[in-house]
Amino acid sequence: MASTPSPASRRKAGNAAATLAAGTKVHLNLDTYENEEPAEPFNFVLGGRAITAKDPGDIDWRLLADIDDPDAFADTVLEEDDAVYFKDYTPFPARKLNALSTAYREHYGLGNPGN
């Protein structure tokens, strides 16, 4: 007797349609979706160190809700070693932090905080 593949194995195989009712049209298969044209990386310099921030399109959406908090921004959009450097950097005037936040949001089209 043949066993039925588990939902997880069907997803791994990219067979999302198998879990839908017959005749149901699939408009977007997120199991196989890949960004066709990655955005230009967002790079900035802090204390002579070049840092590249992650594309928010590649970050779990739940983590993006708190990026207005400087520590959450660092932990979410920077690589671990850059996040530690960023959080330890002093002095770090609020004016510069605000400029960074604004530039990052504008670069990726995220809009203003709270929107």
N, C-alpha and C. Protein backbone atom coordinates (compact mmCIF):
# COMPACT_ATOMS: atom_id res chain seq x y z
N MET A 1 0.84 -1.16 0.00
CA MET A 1 0.00 0.00 0.00
C MET A 1 0.90 1.24 0.00
N ALA A 2 0.67 2.18 -0.94
CA ALA A 2 1.46 3.39 -1.06
C ALA A 2 0.99 4.40 -0.02
N SER A 3 1.95 5.10 0.58
CA SER A 3 1.58 6.12 1.57
C SER A 3 1.35 7.46 0.88
N THR A 4 0.49 8.25 1.47
CA THR A 4 0.21 9.58 0.95
C THR A 4 1.27 10.53 1.44
N PRO A 5 1.87 11.37 0.54
CA PRO A 5 2.90 12.31 0.98
C PRO A 5 2.33 13.32 1.97
N SER A 6 3.14 13.69 2.94
CA SER A 6 2.71 14.68 3.93
C SER A 6 2.62 16.05 3.28
N PRO A 7 1.86 16.98 3.89
CA PRO A 7 1.80 18.35 3.36
C PRO A 7 3.18 18.97 3.26
N ALA A 8 4.06 18.70 4.23
CA ALA A 8 5.40 19.28 4.20
C ALA A 8 6.17 18.78 2.99
N SER A 9 6.07 17.49 2.68
CA SER A 9 6.81 16.98 1.53
C SER A 9 6.24 17.51 0.22
N ARG A 10 4.91 17.72 0.19
CA ARG A 10 4.32 18.32 -1.03
C ARG A 10 4.82 19.75 -1.21
N ARG A 11 4.93 20.51 -0.10
CA ARG A 11 5.43 21.89 -0.21
C ARG A 11 6.86 21.88 -0.70
N LYS A 12 7.68 20.99 -0.16
CA LYS A 12 9.07 20.92 -0.59
C LYS A 12 9.18 20.63 -2.07
N ALA A 13 8.26 19.87 -2.57
CA ALA A 13 8.27 19.53 -3.99
C ALA A 13 7.64 20.63 -4.83
N GLY A 14 7.13 21.67 -4.22
CA GLY A 14 6.50 22.76 -4.95
C GLY A 14 5.14 22.40 -5.48
N ASN A 15 4.48 21.43 -4.88
CA ASN A 15 3.20 20.93 -5.37
C ASN A 15 2.06 21.50 -4.53
N ALA A 16 1.96 22.83 -4.47
CA ALA A 16 0.94 23.47 -3.64
C ALA A 16 -0.46 23.17 -4.17
N ALA A 17 -0.59 23.01 -5.47
CA ALA A 17 -1.90 22.77 -6.06
C ALA A 17 -2.52 21.48 -5.54
N ALA A 18 -1.70 20.52 -5.08
CA ALA A 18 -2.22 19.25 -4.61
C ALA A 18 -3.09 19.42 -3.37
N THR A 19 -2.90 20.50 -2.62
CA THR A 19 -3.68 20.70 -1.40
C THR A 19 -4.95 21.53 -1.67
N LEU A 20 -5.13 22.01 -2.90
CA LEU A 20 -6.31 22.80 -3.25
C LEU A 20 -7.38 21.91 -3.87
N ALA A 21 -8.59 22.37 -3.79
CA ALA A 21 -9.69 21.63 -4.41
C ALA A 21 -9.48 21.61 -5.93
N ALA A 22 -9.90 20.54 -6.54
CA ALA A 22 -9.77 20.40 -7.99
C ALA A 22 -10.43 21.59 -8.69
N GLY A 23 -9.75 22.14 -9.66
CA GLY A 23 -10.28 23.26 -10.43
C GLY A 23 -10.01 24.62 -9.81
N THR A 24 -9.39 24.67 -8.62
CA THR A 24 -9.08 25.95 -7.99
C THR A 24 -7.85 26.54 -8.64
N LYS A 25 -7.95 27.79 -9.07
CA LYS A 25 -6.84 28.47 -9.73
C LYS A 25 -5.87 29.02 -8.68
N VAL A 26 -4.58 28.78 -8.88
CA VAL A 26 -3.54 29.31 -8.00
C VAL A 26 -3.04 30.61 -8.61
N HIS A 27 -3.19 31.72 -7.89
CA HIS A 27 -2.75 33.01 -8.38
C HIS A 27 -1.30 33.31 -8.04
N LEU A 28 -0.83 32.77 -6.94
CA LEU A 28 0.55 32.99 -6.51
C LEU A 28 0.98 31.83 -5.63
N ASN A 29 2.05 31.16 -6.01
CA ASN A 29 2.58 30.05 -5.21
C ASN A 29 3.76 30.58 -4.39
N LEU A 30 3.52 30.87 -3.13
CA LEU A 30 4.57 31.41 -2.28
C LEU A 30 5.63 30.38 -1.92
N ASP A 31 5.33 29.11 -2.13
CA ASP A 31 6.33 28.07 -1.86
C ASP A 31 7.45 28.11 -2.88
N THR A 32 7.18 28.62 -4.06
CA THR A 32 8.19 28.65 -5.11
C THR A 32 8.57 30.07 -5.53
N TYR A 33 7.94 31.08 -4.92
CA TYR A 33 8.19 32.47 -5.28
C TYR A 33 9.61 32.90 -4.93
N GLU A 34 10.27 33.54 -5.85
CA GLU A 34 11.58 34.13 -5.62
C GLU A 34 11.57 35.53 -6.20
N ASN A 35 12.25 36.45 -5.54
CA ASN A 35 12.36 37.81 -6.03
C ASN A 35 13.16 37.80 -7.33
N GLU A 36 12.54 38.25 -8.40
CA GLU A 36 13.20 38.20 -9.70
C GLU A 36 14.26 39.29 -9.86
N GLU A 37 14.07 40.43 -9.22
CA GLU A 37 14.98 41.54 -9.37
C GLU A 37 15.29 42.14 -8.01
N PRO A 38 16.35 41.67 -7.35
CA PRO A 38 16.67 42.20 -6.02
C PRO A 38 16.93 43.71 -6.08
N ALA A 39 16.55 44.39 -5.03
CA ALA A 39 16.79 45.83 -4.93
C ALA A 39 18.28 46.08 -4.73
N GLU A 40 18.69 47.28 -5.11
CA GLU A 40 20.07 47.68 -4.86
C GLU A 40 20.30 47.70 -3.35
N PRO A 41 21.42 47.16 -2.88
CA PRO A 41 21.67 47.14 -1.44
C PRO A 41 21.73 48.55 -0.85
N PHE A 42 21.35 48.67 0.41
CA PHE A 42 21.45 49.93 1.13
C PHE A 42 22.72 49.89 1.97
N ASN A 43 23.66 50.76 1.63
CA ASN A 43 24.95 50.82 2.33
C ASN A 43 25.09 52.16 3.03
N PHE A 44 25.69 52.14 4.21
CA PHE A 44 26.00 53.38 4.90
C PHE A 44 27.33 53.23 5.64
N VAL A 45 27.88 54.35 6.05
CA VAL A 45 29.16 54.36 6.76
C VAL A 45 28.92 54.93 8.15
N LEU A 46 29.45 54.24 9.15
CA LEU A 46 29.35 54.68 10.54
C LEU A 46 30.73 54.53 11.17
N GLY A 47 31.33 55.63 11.56
CA GLY A 47 32.65 55.58 12.19
C GLY A 47 33.71 54.98 11.30
N GLY A 48 33.61 55.22 9.99
CA GLY A 48 34.58 54.69 9.04
C GLY A 48 34.31 53.25 8.61
N ARG A 49 33.30 52.63 9.14
CA ARG A 49 32.97 51.24 8.81
C ARG A 49 31.82 51.20 7.81
N ALA A 50 32.02 50.53 6.70
CA ALA A 50 30.96 50.36 5.70
C ALA A 50 30.04 49.23 6.15
N ILE A 51 28.74 49.51 6.15
CA ILE A 51 27.73 48.55 6.61
C ILE A 51 26.65 48.44 5.55
N THR A 52 26.25 47.22 5.26
CA THR A 52 25.15 46.96 4.33
C THR A 52 23.96 46.45 5.11
N ALA A 53 22.83 47.13 4.94
CA ALA A 53 21.59 46.71 5.61
C ALA A 53 20.85 45.71 4.73
N LYS A 54 20.17 44.78 5.37
CA LYS A 54 19.40 43.77 4.65
C LYS A 54 18.19 44.40 3.97
N ASP A 55 17.80 43.81 2.86
CA ASP A 55 16.59 44.21 2.14
C ASP A 55 15.39 43.80 2.99
N PRO A 56 14.48 44.73 3.32
CA PRO A 56 13.34 44.36 4.15
C PRO A 56 12.44 43.32 3.48
N GLY A 57 12.51 43.20 2.17
CA GLY A 57 11.73 42.19 1.47
C GLY A 57 12.19 40.77 1.77
N ASP A 58 13.39 40.65 2.32
CA ASP A 58 13.94 39.34 2.67
C ASP A 58 13.82 39.03 4.17
N ILE A 59 13.20 39.95 4.93
CA ILE A 59 13.08 39.81 6.38
C ILE A 59 11.64 39.43 6.72
N ASP A 60 11.48 38.56 7.69
CA ASP A 60 10.14 38.18 8.13
C ASP A 60 9.37 39.44 8.51
N TRP A 61 8.19 39.59 7.97
CA TRP A 61 7.39 40.82 8.16
C TRP A 61 7.11 41.13 9.62
N ARG A 62 7.04 40.12 10.47
CA ARG A 62 6.77 40.35 11.89
C ARG A 62 7.91 41.09 12.58
N LEU A 63 9.12 40.91 12.07
CA LEU A 63 10.28 41.58 12.66
C LEU A 63 10.38 43.04 12.24
N LEU A 64 9.79 43.38 11.11
CA LEU A 64 9.89 44.75 10.60
C LEU A 64 9.06 45.75 11.39
N ALA A 65 8.09 45.29 12.14
CA ALA A 65 7.19 46.19 12.87
C ALA A 65 7.92 47.06 13.88
N ASP A 66 9.04 46.60 14.39
CA ASP A 66 9.74 47.33 15.45
C ASP A 66 11.02 48.03 15.00
N ILE A 67 11.25 48.17 13.69
CA ILE A 67 12.54 48.73 13.27
C ILE A 67 12.70 50.22 13.56
N ASP A 68 11.66 50.87 14.07
CA ASP A 68 11.82 52.26 14.49
C ASP A 68 12.59 52.37 15.79
N ASP A 69 12.66 51.29 16.55
CA ASP A 69 13.50 51.22 17.74
C ASP A 69 14.93 50.96 17.27
N PRO A 70 15.91 51.78 17.66
CA PRO A 70 17.29 51.63 17.15
C PRO A 70 17.89 50.24 17.39
N ASP A 71 17.67 49.65 18.57
CA ASP A 71 18.22 48.32 18.82
C ASP A 71 17.55 47.27 17.94
N ALA A 72 16.23 47.38 17.77
CA ALA A 72 15.51 46.44 16.91
C ALA A 72 15.94 46.62 15.46
N PHE A 73 16.16 47.86 15.03
CA PHE A 73 16.66 48.13 13.68
C PHE A 73 17.97 47.38 13.46
N ALA A 74 18.91 47.57 14.40
CA ALA A 74 20.21 46.92 14.27
C ALA A 74 20.08 45.40 14.26
N ASP A 75 19.30 44.85 15.18
CA ASP A 75 19.16 43.39 15.27
C ASP A 75 18.43 42.80 14.08
N THR A 76 17.56 43.59 13.45
CA THR A 76 16.73 43.07 12.36
C THR A 76 17.37 43.23 10.99
N VAL A 77 17.96 44.40 10.72
CA VAL A 77 18.41 44.67 9.35
C VAL A 77 19.92 44.60 9.16
N LEU A 78 20.67 44.40 10.23
CA LEU A 78 22.13 44.32 10.10
C LEU A 78 22.62 42.92 10.45
N GLU A 79 23.77 42.58 9.87
CA GLU A 79 24.42 41.33 10.25
C GLU A 79 24.85 41.45 11.71
N GLU A 80 25.00 40.33 12.39
CA GLU A 80 25.22 40.33 13.84
C GLU A 80 26.41 41.19 14.26
N ASP A 81 27.56 41.05 13.59
CA ASP A 81 28.73 41.84 13.99
C ASP A 81 28.53 43.33 13.74
N ASP A 82 27.82 43.68 12.66
CA ASP A 82 27.50 45.08 12.40
C ASP A 82 26.49 45.62 13.41
N ALA A 83 25.56 44.79 13.83
CA ALA A 83 24.56 45.20 14.83
C ALA A 83 25.23 45.53 16.16
N VAL A 84 26.18 44.71 16.57
CA VAL A 84 26.91 44.96 17.82
C VAL A 84 27.67 46.28 17.70
N TYR A 85 28.37 46.48 16.59
CA TYR A 85 29.12 47.72 16.37
C TYR A 85 28.18 48.93 16.41
N PHE A 86 27.07 48.82 15.72
CA PHE A 86 26.08 49.90 15.63
C PHE A 86 25.57 50.28 17.02
N LYS A 87 25.21 49.28 17.82
CA LYS A 87 24.63 49.55 19.14
C LYS A 87 25.67 50.07 20.13
N ASP A 88 26.94 49.72 19.91
CA ASP A 88 28.00 50.19 20.81
C ASP A 88 28.60 51.52 20.38
N TYR A 89 28.28 51.98 19.16
CA TYR A 89 28.90 53.19 18.63
C TYR A 89 28.46 54.41 19.43
N THR A 90 29.43 55.23 19.82
CA THR A 90 29.13 56.45 20.56
C THR A 90 30.17 57.51 20.24
N PRO A 91 29.83 58.77 20.17
CA PRO A 91 28.47 59.29 20.28
C PRO A 91 27.70 59.05 18.99
N PHE A 92 26.41 58.86 19.12
CA PHE A 92 25.53 58.61 17.97
C PHE A 92 24.32 59.54 18.11
N PRO A 93 24.47 60.78 17.63
CA PRO A 93 23.39 61.76 17.78
C PRO A 93 22.09 61.31 17.13
N ALA A 94 20.99 61.66 17.76
CA ALA A 94 19.66 61.31 17.26
C ALA A 94 19.45 61.81 15.83
N ARG A 95 20.02 62.96 15.51
CA ARG A 95 19.88 63.52 14.16
C ARG A 95 20.41 62.53 13.11
N LYS A 96 21.54 61.91 13.40
CA LYS A 96 22.13 60.95 12.46
C LYS A 96 21.31 59.65 12.40
N LEU A 97 20.83 59.22 13.55
CA LEU A 97 19.98 58.02 13.59
C LEU A 97 18.71 58.24 12.78
N ASN A 98 18.10 59.41 12.95
CA ASN A 98 16.89 59.73 12.19
C ASN A 98 17.18 59.79 10.69
N ALA A 99 18.33 60.35 10.31
CA ALA A 99 18.71 60.42 8.89
C ALA A 99 18.87 59.01 8.32
N LEU A 100 19.48 58.11 9.10
CA LEU A 100 19.65 56.72 8.66
C LEU A 100 18.30 56.04 8.48
N SER A 101 17.43 56.17 9.47
CA SER A 101 16.12 55.54 9.41
C SER A 101 15.33 56.05 8.20
N THR A 102 15.35 57.35 7.99
CA THR A 102 14.63 57.95 6.86
C THR A 102 15.20 57.46 5.53
N ALA A 103 16.52 57.45 5.41
CA ALA A 103 17.16 57.03 4.16
C ALA A 103 16.87 55.56 3.86
N TYR A 104 16.90 54.71 4.88
CA TYR A 104 16.62 53.28 4.71
C TYR A 104 15.18 53.08 4.23
N ARG A 105 14.25 53.76 4.90
CA ARG A 105 12.83 53.64 4.53
C ARG A 105 12.59 54.15 3.11
N GLU A 106 13.19 55.27 2.76
CA GLU A 106 13.01 55.83 1.42
C GLU A 106 13.62 54.92 0.37
N HIS A 107 14.79 54.37 0.66
CA HIS A 107 15.48 53.49 -0.29
C HIS A 107 14.61 52.30 -0.67
N TYR A 108 13.95 51.73 0.30
CA TYR A 108 13.13 50.54 0.06
C TYR A 108 11.63 50.83 -0.05
N GLY A 109 11.25 52.10 -0.04
CA GLY A 109 9.85 52.47 -0.22
C GLY A 109 8.95 52.02 0.92
N LEU A 110 9.44 52.08 2.15
CA LEU A 110 8.68 51.61 3.31
C LEU A 110 7.72 52.66 3.86
N GLY A 111 7.87 53.90 3.46
CA GLY A 111 7.01 54.94 4.01
C GLY A 111 7.50 55.40 5.36
N ASN A 112 6.76 56.27 5.99
CA ASN A 112 7.13 56.84 7.28
C ASN A 112 6.75 55.90 8.41
N PRO A 113 7.44 56.04 9.55
CA PRO A 113 7.09 55.19 10.70
C PRO A 113 5.62 55.33 11.06
N GLY A 114 5.01 54.21 11.39
CA GLY A 114 3.59 54.21 11.78
C GLY A 114 2.63 54.14 10.62
N ASN A 115 3.13 54.14 9.40
CA ASN A 115 2.25 54.05 8.22
C ASN A 115 2.27 52.67 7.63
